[in-house]
PDB file of all heavy atoms in Angstrom:
ATOM      1  N   PRO A   1       0.838  -1.211   0.000  1.00  0.00           N
ATOM      2  CA  PRO A   1       0.000   0.000   0.000  1.00  0.00           C
ATOM      3  C   PRO A   1       0.865   1.251   0.000  1.00  0.00           C
ATOM      4  O   PRO A   1       1.922   1.280   0.632  1.00  0.00           O
ATOM      5  CB  PRO A   1      -0.798  -0.127   1.306  1.00  0.00           C
ATOM      6  CG  PRO A   1       0.120  -0.912   2.209  1.00  0.00           C
ATOM      7  CD  PRO A   1       0.825  -1.888   1.312  1.00  0.00           C
ATOM      8  N   LEU A   2       0.391   2.292  -0.687  1.00  0.00           N
ATOM      9  CA  LEU A   2       1.173   3.533  -0.784  1.00  0.00           C
ATOM     10  C   LEU A   2       0.485   4.754  -0.194  1.00  0.00           C
ATOM     11  O   LEU A   2       1.160   5.726   0.143  1.00  0.00           O
ATOM     12  CB  LEU A   2       1.506   3.832  -2.250  1.00  0.00           C
ATOM     13  CG  LEU A   2       2.612   3.014  -2.896  1.00  0.00           C
ATOM     14  CD1 LEU A   2       2.763   3.400  -4.360  1.00  0.00           C
ATOM     15  CD2 LEU A   2       3.933   3.183  -2.168  1.00  0.00           C
ATOM     16  N   GLY A   3      -0.836   4.743  -0.103  1.00  0.00           N
ATOM     17  CA  GLY A   3      -1.522   5.950   0.342  1.00  0.00           C
ATOM     18  C   GLY A   3      -2.648   5.640   1.300  1.00  0.00           C
ATOM     19  O   GLY A   3      -3.206   4.540   1.300  1.00  0.00           O
ATOM     20  N   LEU A   4      -2.992   6.635   2.123  1.00  0.00           N
ATOM     21  CA  LEU A   4      -4.129   6.478   3.022  1.00  0.00           C
ATOM     22  C   LEU A   4      -4.682   7.836   3.404  1.00  0.00           C
ATOM     23  O   LEU A   4      -3.991   8.844   3.401  1.00  0.00           O
ATOM     24  CB  LEU A   4      -3.772   5.654   4.266  1.00  0.00           C
ATOM     25  CG  LEU A   4      -2.917   6.250   5.389  1.00  0.00           C
ATOM     26  CD1 LEU A   4      -2.859   5.259   6.556  1.00  0.00           C
ATOM     27  CD2 LEU A   4      -1.503   6.531   4.940  1.00  0.00           C
ATOM     28  N   SER A   5      -5.994   7.835   3.702  1.00  0.00           N
ATOM     29  CA  SER A   5      -6.706   9.012   4.164  1.00  0.00           C
ATOM     30  C   SER A   5      -7.676   8.552   5.233  1.00  0.00           C
ATOM     31  O   SER A   5      -7.896   7.342   5.408  1.00  0.00           O
ATOM     32  CB  SER A   5      -7.433   9.691   3.000  1.00  0.00           C
ATOM     33  OG  SER A   5      -8.021  10.912   3.405  1.00  0.00           O
ATOM     34  N   ILE A   6      -8.249   9.489   5.983  1.00  0.00           N
ATOM     35  CA  ILE A   6      -9.138   9.101   7.073  1.00  0.00           C
ATOM     36  C   ILE A   6     -10.443   9.878   6.982  1.00  0.00           C
ATOM     37  O   ILE A   6     -10.455  11.064   6.635  1.00  0.00           O
ATOM     38  CB  ILE A   6      -8.446   9.313   8.444  1.00  0.00           C
ATOM     39  CG1 ILE A   6      -9.213   8.602   9.546  1.00  0.00           C
ATOM     40  CG2 ILE A   6      -8.235  10.796   8.744  1.00  0.00           C
ATOM     41  CD1 ILE A   6      -8.400   8.404  10.813  1.00  0.00           C
ATOM     42  N   HIS A   7     -11.547   9.171   7.292  1.00  0.00           N
ATOM     43  CA  HIS A   7     -12.875   9.775   7.224  1.00  0.00           C
ATOM     44  C   HIS A   7     -13.801   8.976   8.136  1.00  0.00           C
ATOM     45  O   HIS A   7     -13.939   7.754   7.990  1.00  0.00           O
ATOM     46  CB  HIS A   7     -13.397   9.744   5.779  1.00  0.00           C
ATOM     47  CG  HIS A   7     -14.744  10.349   5.601  1.00  0.00           C
ATOM     48  ND1 HIS A   7     -14.953  11.717   5.596  1.00  0.00           N
ATOM     49  CD2 HIS A   7     -15.967   9.791   5.427  1.00  0.00           C
ATOM     50  CE1 HIS A   7     -16.233  11.967   5.405  1.00  0.00           C
ATOM     51  NE2 HIS A   7     -16.880  10.811   5.314  1.00  0.00           N
ATOM     52  N   ASP A   8     -14.431   9.663   9.092  1.00  0.00           N
ATOM     53  CA  ASP A   8     -15.399   9.030   9.999  1.00  0.00           C
ATOM     54  C   ASP A   8     -14.843   7.761  10.657  1.00  0.00           C
ATOM     55  O   ASP A   8     -15.467   6.699  10.628  1.00  0.00           O
ATOM     56  CB  ASP A   8     -16.692   8.688   9.250  1.00  0.00           C
ATOM     57  CG  ASP A   8     -17.520   9.929   8.951  1.00  0.00           C
ATOM     58  OD1 ASP A   8     -17.228  10.987   9.535  1.00  0.00           O
ATOM     59  OD2 ASP A   8     -18.448   9.837   8.132  1.00  0.00           O
ATOM     60  N   GLU A   9     -13.654   7.869  11.227  1.00  0.00           N
ATOM     61  CA  GLU A   9     -13.027   6.777  11.983  1.00  0.00           C
ATOM     62  C   GLU A   9     -12.548   5.617  11.107  1.00  0.00           C
ATOM     63  O   GLU A   9     -12.121   4.582  11.628  1.00  0.00           O
ATOM     64  CB  GLU A   9     -13.973   6.220  13.060  1.00  0.00           C
ATOM     65  CG  GLU A   9     -14.547   7.255  14.007  1.00  0.00           C
ATOM     66  CD  GLU A   9     -13.520   7.797  14.996  1.00  0.00           C
ATOM     67  OE1 GLU A   9     -12.549   7.074  15.286  1.00  0.00           O
ATOM     68  OE2 GLU A   9     -13.689   8.942  15.472  1.00  0.00           O
ATOM     69  N   TYR A  10     -12.587   5.785   9.781  1.00  0.00           N
ATOM     70  CA  TYR A  10     -12.091   4.736   8.891  1.00  0.00           C
ATOM     71  C   TYR A  10     -10.892   5.250   8.099  1.00  0.00           C
ATOM     72  O   TYR A  10     -10.870   6.401   7.655  1.00  0.00           O
ATOM     73  CB  TYR A  10     -13.169   4.283   7.899  1.00  0.00           C
ATOM     74  CG  TYR A  10     -14.264   3.445   8.518  1.00  0.00           C
ATOM     75  CD1 TYR A  10     -15.493   4.013   8.828  1.00  0.00           C
ATOM     76  CD2 TYR A  10     -14.064   2.084   8.773  1.00  0.00           C
ATOM     77  CE1 TYR A  10     -16.513   3.243   9.376  1.00  0.00           C
ATOM     78  CE2 TYR A  10     -15.075   1.311   9.333  1.00  0.00           C
ATOM     79  CZ  TYR A  10     -16.295   1.895   9.633  1.00  0.00           C
ATOM     80  OH  TYR A  10     -17.303   1.141  10.188  1.00  0.00           O
ATOM     81  N   LEU A  11      -9.920   4.366   7.911  1.00  0.00           N
ATOM     82  CA  LEU A  11      -8.818   4.636   7.001  1.00  0.00           C
ATOM     83  C   LEU A  11      -9.183   4.099   5.619  1.00  0.00           C
ATOM     84  O   LEU A  11      -9.693   2.969   5.500  1.00  0.00           O
ATOM     85  CB  LEU A  11      -7.537   3.945   7.484  1.00  0.00           C
ATOM     86  CG  LEU A  11      -6.892   4.496   8.748  1.00  0.00           C
ATOM     87  CD1 LEU A  11      -5.823   3.538   9.251  1.00  0.00           C
ATOM     88  CD2 LEU A  11      -6.285   5.873   8.497  1.00  0.00           C
ATOM     89  N   TYR A  12      -8.931   4.893   4.599  1.00  0.00           N
ATOM     90  CA  TYR A  12      -9.127   4.450   3.220  1.00  0.00           C
ATOM     91  C   TYR A  12      -7.744   4.299   2.593  1.00  0.00           C
ATOM     92  O   TYR A  12      -6.930   5.231   2.612  1.00  0.00           O
ATOM     93  CB  TYR A  12     -10.004   5.443   2.468  1.00  0.00           C
ATOM     94  CG  TYR A  12     -11.433   5.400   2.953  1.00  0.00           C
ATOM     95  CD1 TYR A  12     -11.823   6.081   4.110  1.00  0.00           C
ATOM     96  CD2 TYR A  12     -12.398   4.641   2.290  1.00  0.00           C
ATOM     97  CE1 TYR A  12     -13.128   6.017   4.587  1.00  0.00           C
ATOM     98  CE2 TYR A  12     -13.711   4.571   2.751  1.00  0.00           C
ATOM     99  CZ  TYR A  12     -14.062   5.263   3.900  1.00  0.00           C
ATOM    100  OH  TYR A  12     -15.358   5.182   4.366  1.00  0.00           O
ATOM    101  N   ILE A  13      -7.475   3.114   2.059  1.00  0.00           N
ATOM    102  CA  ILE A  13      -6.124   2.709   1.673  1.00  0.00           C
ATOM    103  C   ILE A  13      -6.043   2.475   0.172  1.00  0.00           C
ATOM    104  O   ILE A  13      -6.926   1.831  -0.413  1.00  0.00           O
ATOM    105  CB  ILE A  13      -5.730   1.378   2.376  1.00  0.00           C
ATOM    106  CG1 ILE A  13      -6.085   1.398   3.867  1.00  0.00           C
ATOM    107  CG2 ILE A  13      -4.263   1.046   2.149  1.00  0.00           C
ATOM    108  CD1 ILE A  13      -5.325   2.378   4.681  1.00  0.00           C
ATOM    109  N   THR A  14      -4.986   2.978  -0.466  1.00  0.00           N
ATOM    110  CA  THR A  14      -4.676   2.517  -1.821  1.00  0.00           C
ATOM    111  C   THR A  14      -3.816   1.267  -1.671  1.00  0.00           C
ATOM    112  O   THR A  14      -2.629   1.337  -1.351  1.00  0.00           O
ATOM    113  CB  THR A  14      -3.930   3.585  -2.645  1.00  0.00           C
ATOM    114  OG1 THR A  14      -2.723   3.968  -1.974  1.00  0.00           O
ATOM    115  CG2 THR A  14      -4.784   4.810  -2.856  1.00  0.00           C
ATOM    116  N   ASP A  15      -4.452   0.112  -1.873  1.00  0.00           N
ATOM    117  CA  ASP A  15      -3.745  -1.168  -1.790  1.00  0.00           C
ATOM    118  C   ASP A  15      -3.098  -1.401  -3.147  1.00  0.00           C
ATOM    119  O   ASP A  15      -3.608  -2.117  -4.005  1.00  0.00           O
ATOM    120  CB  ASP A  15      -4.744  -2.276  -1.425  1.00  0.00           C
ATOM    121  CG  ASP A  15      -4.050  -3.558  -1.002  1.00  0.00           C
ATOM    122  OD1 ASP A  15      -2.812  -3.568  -0.917  1.00  0.00           O
ATOM    123  OD2 ASP A  15      -4.763  -4.557  -0.767  1.00  0.00           O
ATOM    124  N   THR A  16      -1.947  -0.790  -3.330  1.00  0.00           N
ATOM    125  CA  THR A  16      -1.410  -0.474  -4.650  1.00  0.00           C
ATOM    126  C   THR A  16      -1.192  -1.702  -5.531  1.00  0.00           C
ATOM    127  O   THR A  16      -1.677  -1.755  -6.663  1.00  0.00           O
ATOM    128  CB  THR A  16      -0.103   0.324  -4.492  1.00  0.00           C
ATOM    129  OG1 THR A  16      -0.378   1.483  -3.694  1.00  0.00           O
ATOM    130  CG2 THR A  16       0.445   0.768  -5.835  1.00  0.00           C
ATOM    131  N   TYR A  17      -0.452  -2.686  -5.044  1.00  0.00           N
ATOM    132  CA  TYR A  17      -0.152  -3.839  -5.900  1.00  0.00           C
ATOM    133  C   TYR A  17      -1.327  -4.800  -6.019  1.00  0.00           C
ATOM    134  O   TYR A  17      -1.293  -5.707  -6.851  1.00  0.00           O
ATOM    135  CB  TYR A  17       1.088  -4.566  -5.394  1.00  0.00           C
ATOM    136  CG  TYR A  17       2.394  -3.886  -5.757  1.00  0.00           C
ATOM    137  CD1 TYR A  17       2.418  -2.674  -6.424  1.00  0.00           C
ATOM    138  CD2 TYR A  17       3.617  -4.460  -5.427  1.00  0.00           C
ATOM    139  CE1 TYR A  17       3.607  -2.057  -6.753  1.00  0.00           C
ATOM    140  CE2 TYR A  17       4.815  -3.860  -5.751  1.00  0.00           C
ATOM    141  CZ  TYR A  17       4.809  -2.659  -6.414  1.00  0.00           C
ATOM    142  OH  TYR A  17       6.003  -2.056  -6.742  1.00  0.00           O
ATOM    143  N   ASN A  18      -2.355  -4.615  -5.200  1.00  0.00           N
ATOM    144  CA  ASN A  18      -3.596  -5.369  -5.390  1.00  0.00           C
ATOM    145  C   ASN A  18      -4.571  -4.634  -6.298  1.00  0.00           C
ATOM    146  O   ASN A  18      -5.676  -5.136  -6.564  1.00  0.00           O
ATOM    147  CB  ASN A  18      -4.271  -5.656  -4.046  1.00  0.00           C
ATOM    148  CG  ASN A  18      -3.625  -6.810  -3.309  1.00  0.00           C
ATOM    149  OD1 ASN A  18      -3.117  -7.747  -3.918  1.00  0.00           O
ATOM    150  ND2 ASN A  18      -3.615  -6.743  -1.981  1.00  0.00           N
ATOM    151  N   ASN A  19      -4.210  -3.420  -6.739  1.00  0.00           N
ATOM    152  CA  ASN A  19      -5.059  -2.624  -7.636  1.00  0.00           C
ATOM    153  C   ASN A  19      -6.448  -2.409  -7.038  1.00  0.00           C
ATOM    154  O   ASN A  19      -7.462  -2.483  -7.738  1.00  0.00           O
ATOM    155  CB  ASN A  19      -5.171  -3.308  -9.007  1.00  0.00           C
ATOM    156  CG  ASN A  19      -3.825  -3.562  -9.644  1.00  0.00           C
ATOM    157  OD1 ASN A  19      -3.063  -2.632  -9.906  1.00  0.00           O
ATOM    158  ND2 ASN A  19      -3.499  -4.830  -9.859  1.00  0.00           N
ATOM    159  N   LYS A  20      -6.488  -2.117  -5.730  1.00  0.00           N
ATOM    160  CA  LYS A  20      -7.748  -1.957  -5.015  1.00  0.00           C
ATOM    161  C   LYS A  20      -7.713  -0.745  -4.090  1.00  0.00           C
ATOM    162  O   LYS A  20      -6.645  -0.247  -3.719  1.00  0.00           O
ATOM    163  CB  LYS A  20      -8.043  -3.191  -4.161  1.00  0.00           C
ATOM    164  CG  LYS A  20      -8.559  -4.393  -4.911  1.00  0.00           C
ATOM    165  CD  LYS A  20      -8.942  -5.501  -3.920  1.00  0.00           C
ATOM    166  CE  LYS A  20      -9.620  -6.663  -4.606  1.00  0.00           C
ATOM    167  NZ  LYS A  20     -10.060  -7.688  -3.622  1.00  0.00           N
ATOM    168  N   ILE A  21      -8.920  -0.324  -3.693  1.00  0.00           N
ATOM    169  CA  ILE A  21      -9.090   0.617  -2.601  1.00  0.00           C
ATOM    170  C   ILE A  21      -9.757  -0.161  -1.461  1.00  0.00           C
ATOM    171  O   ILE A  21     -10.756  -0.857  -1.682  1.00  0.00           O
ATOM    172  CB  ILE A  21      -9.976   1.817  -3.011  1.00  0.00           C
ATOM    173  CG1 ILE A  21      -9.453   2.448  -4.304  1.00  0.00           C
ATOM    174  CG2 ILE A  21     -10.018   2.833  -1.880  1.00  0.00           C
ATOM    175  CD1 ILE A  21      -8.031   2.942  -4.256  1.00  0.00           C
ATOM    176  N   LYS A  22      -9.188  -0.047  -0.262  1.00  0.00           N
ATOM    177  CA  LYS A  22      -9.739  -0.770   0.879  1.00  0.00           C
ATOM    178  C   LYS A  22     -10.047   0.196   2.019  1.00  0.00           C
ATOM    179  O   LYS A  22      -9.465   1.284   2.107  1.00  0.00           O
ATOM    180  CB  LYS A  22      -8.776  -1.858   1.347  1.00  0.00           C
ATOM    181  CG  LYS A  22      -8.594  -2.966   0.314  1.00  0.00           C
ATOM    182  CD  LYS A  22      -7.820  -4.150   0.838  1.00  0.00           C
ATOM    183  CE  LYS A  22      -7.741  -5.245  -0.211  1.00  0.00           C
ATOM    184  NZ  LYS A  22      -7.001  -6.428   0.265  1.00  0.00           N
ATOM    185  N   ARG A  23     -10.962  -0.243   2.893  1.00  0.00           N
ATOM    186  CA  ARG A  23     -11.330   0.531   4.072  1.00  0.00           C
ATOM    187  C   ARG A  23     -10.952  -0.261   5.310  1.00  0.00           C
ATOM    188  O   ARG A  23     -11.243  -1.455   5.416  1.00  0.00           O
ATOM    189  CB  ARG A  23     -12.836   0.816   4.077  1.00  0.00           C
ATOM    190  CG  ARG A  23     -13.271   1.799   5.157  1.00  0.00           C
ATOM    191  CD  ARG A  23     -14.772   1.987   5.160  1.00  0.00           C
ATOM    192  NE  ARG A  23     -15.454   0.826   5.735  1.00  0.00           N
ATOM    193  CZ  ARG A  23     -16.779   0.705   5.832  1.00  0.00           C
ATOM    194  NH1 ARG A  23     -17.562   1.672   5.375  1.00  0.00           N
ATOM    195  NH2 ARG A  23     -17.319  -0.376   6.355  1.00  0.00           N
ATOM    196  N   VAL A  24     -10.296   0.429   6.262  1.00  0.00           N
ATOM    197  CA  VAL A  24      -9.824  -0.212   7.490  1.00  0.00           C
ATOM    198  C   VAL A  24     -10.375   0.547   8.688  1.00  0.00           C
ATOM    199  O   VAL A  24     -10.247   1.772   8.772  1.00  0.00           O
ATOM    200  CB  VAL A  24      -8.280  -0.248   7.544  1.00  0.00           C
ATOM    201  CG1 VAL A  24      -7.792  -0.819   8.877  1.00  0.00           C
ATOM    202  CG2 VAL A  24      -7.722  -1.056   6.378  1.00  0.00           C
ATOM    203  N   SER A  25     -10.975  -0.167   9.617  1.00  0.00           N
ATOM    204  CA  SER A  25     -11.491   0.445  10.837  1.00  0.00           C
ATOM    205  C   SER A  25     -10.340   0.819  11.758  1.00  0.00           C
ATOM    206  O   SER A  25      -9.465  -0.007  12.039  1.00  0.00           O
ATOM    207  CB  SER A  25     -12.437  -0.523  11.549  1.00  0.00           C
ATOM    208  OG  SER A  25     -12.738  -0.053  12.852  1.00  0.00           O
ATOM    209  N   THR A  26     -10.316   2.065  12.235  1.00  0.00           N
ATOM    210  CA  THR A  26      -9.261   2.472  13.164  1.00  0.00           C
ATOM    211  C   THR A  26      -9.450   1.850  14.540  1.00  0.00           C
ATOM    212  O   THR A  26      -8.499   1.780  15.324  1.00  0.00           O
ATOM    213  CB  THR A  26      -9.223   4.000  13.309  1.00  0.00           C
ATOM    214  OG1 THR A  26     -10.505   4.468  13.757  1.00  0.00           O
ATOM    215  CG2 THR A  26      -8.874   4.678  11.994  1.00  0.00           C
ATOM    216  N   SER A  27     -10.637   1.384  14.851  1.00  0.00           N
ATOM    217  CA  SER A  27     -10.886   0.800  16.178  1.00  0.00           C
ATOM    218  C   SER A  27     -10.670  -0.703  16.216  1.00  0.00           C
ATOM    219  O   SER A  27     -10.128  -1.244  17.185  1.00  0.00           O
ATOM    220  CB  SER A  27     -12.311   1.117  16.640  1.00  0.00           C
ATOM    221  OG  SER A  27     -13.266   0.643  15.707  1.00  0.00           O
ATOM    222  N   THR A  28     -11.062  -1.425  15.145  1.00  0.00           N
ATOM    223  CA  THR A  28     -10.949  -2.884  15.154  1.00  0.00           C
ATOM    224  C   THR A  28      -9.890  -3.422  14.208  1.00  0.00           C
ATOM    225  O   THR A  28      -9.466  -4.575  14.335  1.00  0.00           O
ATOM    226  CB  THR A  28     -12.295  -3.521  14.757  1.00  0.00           C
ATOM    227  OG1 THR A  28     -12.575  -3.238  13.381  1.00  0.00           O
ATOM    228  CG2 THR A  28     -13.421  -2.997  15.634  1.00  0.00           C
ATOM    229  N   GLY A  29      -9.462  -2.624  13.227  1.00  0.00           N
ATOM    230  CA  GLY A  29      -8.499  -3.097  12.244  1.00  0.00           C
ATOM    231  C   GLY A  29      -9.102  -3.941  11.140  1.00  0.00           C
ATOM    232  O   GLY A  29      -8.376  -4.454  10.276  1.00  0.00           O
ATOM    233  N   GLU A  30     -10.429  -4.078  11.123  1.00  0.00           N
ATOM    234  CA  GLU A  30     -11.059  -4.876  10.075  1.00  0.00           C
ATOM    235  C   GLU A  30     -10.917  -4.175   8.726  1.00  0.00           C
ATOM    236  O   GLU A  30     -11.142  -2.974   8.597  1.00  0.00           O
ATOM    237  CB  GLU A  30     -12.540  -5.091  10.375  1.00  0.00           C
ATOM    238  CG  GLU A  30     -13.224  -5.966   9.334  1.00  0.00           C
ATOM    239  CD  GLU A  30     -14.707  -6.157   9.599  1.00  0.00           C
ATOM    240  OE1 GLU A  30     -15.280  -5.338  10.363  1.00  0.00           O
ATOM    241  OE2 GLU A  30     -15.286  -7.101   9.050  1.00  0.00           O
ATOM    242  N   ALA A  31     -10.563  -4.956   7.689  1.00  0.00           N
ATOM    243  CA  ALA A  31     -10.345  -4.414   6.349  1.00  0.00           C
ATOM    244  C   ALA A  31     -11.342  -5.008   5.375  1.00  0.00           C
ATOM    245  O   ALA A  31     -11.615  -6.223   5.410  1.00  0.00           O
ATOM    246  CB  ALA A  31      -8.930  -4.723   5.875  1.00  0.00           C
ATOM    247  N   ILE A  32     -11.904  -4.156   4.508  1.00  0.00           N
ATOM    248  CA  ILE A  32     -12.771  -4.637   3.432  1.00  0.00           C
ATOM    249  C   ILE A  32     -12.388  -3.933   2.140  1.00  0.00           C
ATOM    250  O   ILE A  32     -11.933  -2.787   2.139  1.00  0.00           O
ATOM    251  CB  ILE A  32     -14.270  -4.393   3.741  1.00  0.00           C
ATOM    252  CG1 ILE A  32     -14.567  -2.889   3.826  1.00  0.00           C
ATOM    253  CG2 ILE A  32     -14.706  -5.122   4.987  1.00  0.00           C
ATOM    254  CD1 ILE A  32     -16.060  -2.574   3.827  1.00  0.00           C
ATOM    255  N   SER A  33     -12.563  -4.641   1.023  1.00  0.00           N
ATOM    256  CA  SER A  33     -12.346  -4.045  -0.297  1.00  0.00           C
ATOM    257  C   SER A  33     -13.585  -3.260  -0.692  1.00  0.00           C
ATOM    258  O   SER A  33     -14.700  -3.770  -0.583  1.00  0.00           O
ATOM    259  CB  SER A  33     -12.084  -5.139  -1.337  1.00  0.00           C
ATOM    260  OG  SER A  33     -10.944  -5.903  -1.013  1.00  0.00           O
ATOM    261  N   ILE A  34     -13.391  -2.023  -1.134  1.00  0.00           N
ATOM    262  CA  ILE A  34     -14.552  -1.222  -1.551  1.00  0.00           C
ATOM    263  C   ILE A  34     -14.552  -0.918  -3.041  1.00  0.00           C
ATOM    264  O   ILE A  34     -15.590  -0.563  -3.592  1.00  0.00           O
ATOM    265  CB  ILE A  34     -14.651   0.092  -0.748  1.00  0.00           C
ATOM    266  CG1 ILE A  34     -13.454   1.003  -1.035  1.00  0.00           C
ATOM    267  CG2 ILE A  34     -14.789  -0.181   0.744  1.00  0.00           C
ATOM    268  CD1 ILE A  34     -13.647   2.417  -0.524  1.00  0.00           C
ATOM    269  N   ALA A  35     -13.403  -1.059  -3.699  1.00  0.00           N
ATOM    270  CA  ALA A  35     -13.354  -0.785  -5.139  1.00  0.00           C
ATOM    271  C   ALA A  35     -12.155  -1.490  -5.752  1.00  0.00           C
ATOM    272  O   ALA A  35     -11.090  -1.570  -5.148  1.00  0.00           O
ATOM    273  CB  ALA A  35     -13.285   0.712  -5.416  1.00  0.00           C
ATOM    274  N   GLY A  36     -12.366  -2.005  -6.967  1.00  0.00           N
ATOM    275  CA  GLY A  36     -11.310  -2.689  -7.690  1.00  0.00           C
ATOM    276  C   GLY A  36     -11.519  -4.191  -7.703  1.00  0.00           C
ATOM    277  O   GLY A  36     -11.875  -4.789  -6.686  1.00  0.00           O
ATOM    278  N   THR A  37     -11.271  -4.795  -8.866  1.00  0.00           N
ATOM    279  CA  THR A  37     -11.400  -6.251  -8.989  1.00  0.00           C
ATOM    280  C   THR A  37     -10.181  -6.988  -8.460  1.00  0.00           C
ATOM    281  O   THR A  37     -10.239  -8.179  -8.193  1.00  0.00           O
ATOM    282  CB  THR A  37     -11.573  -6.649 -10.463  1.00  0.00           C
ATOM    283  OG1 THR A  37     -10.382  -6.276 -11.187  1.00  0.00           O
ATOM    284  CG2 THR A  37     -12.777  -5.969 -11.092  1.00  0.00           C
ATOM    285  N   GLY A  38      -9.061  -6.279  -8.353  1.00  0.00           N
ATOM    286  CA  GLY A  38      -7.796  -6.922  -8.025  1.00  0.00           C
ATOM    287  C   GLY A  38      -6.912  -7.090  -9.247  1.00  0.00           C
ATOM    288  O   GLY A  38      -5.709  -7.268  -9.120  1.00  0.00           O
ATOM    289  N   GLN A  39      -7.514  -7.025 -10.437  1.00  0.00           N
ATOM    290  CA  GLN A  39      -6.751  -7.094 -11.682  1.00  0.00           C
ATOM    291  C   GLN A  39      -6.505  -5.682 -12.204  1.00  0.00           C
ATOM    292  O   GLN A  39      -7.381  -4.828 -12.112  1.00  0.00           O
ATOM    293  CB  GLN A  39      -7.519  -7.899 -12.733  1.00  0.00           C
ATOM    294  CG  GLN A  39      -7.775  -9.345 -12.347  1.00  0.00           C
ATOM    295  CD  GLN A  39      -6.496 -10.125 -12.145  1.00  0.00           C
ATOM    296  OE1 GLN A  39      -5.591 -10.070 -12.981  1.00  0.00           O
ATOM    297  NE2 GLN A  39      -6.403 -10.847 -11.038  1.00  0.00           N
ATOM    298  N   ALA A  40      -5.321  -5.462 -12.737  1.00  0.00           N
ATOM    299  CA  ALA A  40      -4.994  -4.148 -13.284  1.00  0.00           C
ATOM    300  C   ALA A  40      -5.887  -3.830 -14.470  1.00  0.00           C
ATOM    301  O   ALA A  40      -6.120  -4.680 -15.330  1.00  0.00           O
ATOM    302  CB  ALA A  40      -3.530  -4.099 -13.705  1.00  0.00           C
ATOM    303  N   GLY A  41      -6.398  -2.607 -14.516  1.00  0.00           N
ATOM    304  CA  GLY A  41      -7.240  -2.199 -15.632  1.00  0.00           C
ATOM    305  C   GLY A  41      -7.786  -0.811 -15.413  1.00  0.00           C
ATOM    306  O   GLY A  41      -7.453  -0.139 -14.434  1.00  0.00           O
ATOM    307  N   PHE A  42      -8.632  -0.384 -16.335  1.00  0.00           N
ATOM    308  CA  PHE A  42      -9.278   0.930 -16.218  1.00  0.00           C
ATOM    309  C   PHE A  42     -10.744   0.741 -16.572  1.00  0.00           C
ATOM    310  O   PHE A  42     -11.111   0.657 -17.749  1.00  0.00           O
ATOM    311  CB  PHE A  42      -8.627   1.951 -17.157  1.00  0.00           C
ATOM    312  CG  PHE A  42      -9.159   3.348 -16.967  1.00  0.00           C
ATOM    313  CD1 PHE A  42      -8.499   4.243 -16.148  1.00  0.00           C
ATOM    314  CD2 PHE A  42     -10.322   3.761 -17.589  1.00  0.00           C
ATOM    315  CE1 PHE A  42      -8.984   5.531 -15.970  1.00  0.00           C
ATOM    316  CE2 PHE A  42     -10.824   5.042 -17.414  1.00  0.00           C
ATOM    317  CZ  PHE A  42     -10.153   5.920 -16.598  1.00  0.00           C
ATOM    318  N   ARG A  43     -11.560   0.634 -15.536  1.00  0.00           N
ATOM    319  CA  ARG A  43     -12.983   0.443 -15.774  1.00  0.00           C
ATOM    320  C   ARG A  43     -13.769   1.135 -14.676  1.00  0.00           C
ATOM    321  O   ARG A  43     -13.512   0.945 -13.484  1.00  0.00           O
ATOM    322  CB  ARG A  43     -13.337  -1.045 -15.790  1.00  0.00           C
ATOM    323  CG  ARG A  43     -14.801  -1.314 -16.185  1.00  0.00           C
ATOM    324  CD  ARG A  43     -15.049  -2.786 -16.404  1.00  0.00           C
ATOM    325  NE  ARG A  43     -15.000  -3.540 -15.169  1.00  0.00           N
ATOM    326  CZ  ARG A  43     -14.814  -4.853 -15.094  1.00  0.00           C
ATOM    327  NH1 ARG A  43     -14.608  -5.544 -16.204  1.00  0.00           N
ATOM    328  NH2 ARG A  43     -14.808  -5.475 -13.930  1.00  0.00           N
TER     329      ARG A  43
END
């Protein structure tokens, strides 16, 4: 991962080599994928 931002107690992560955007809870550490298939592309 290369980048992160925070909003409403959640970290939003550029999971760079997975070609995804993920959300991580600052309180529990739980991570979920919110955008991206995992394959490189532009869609």
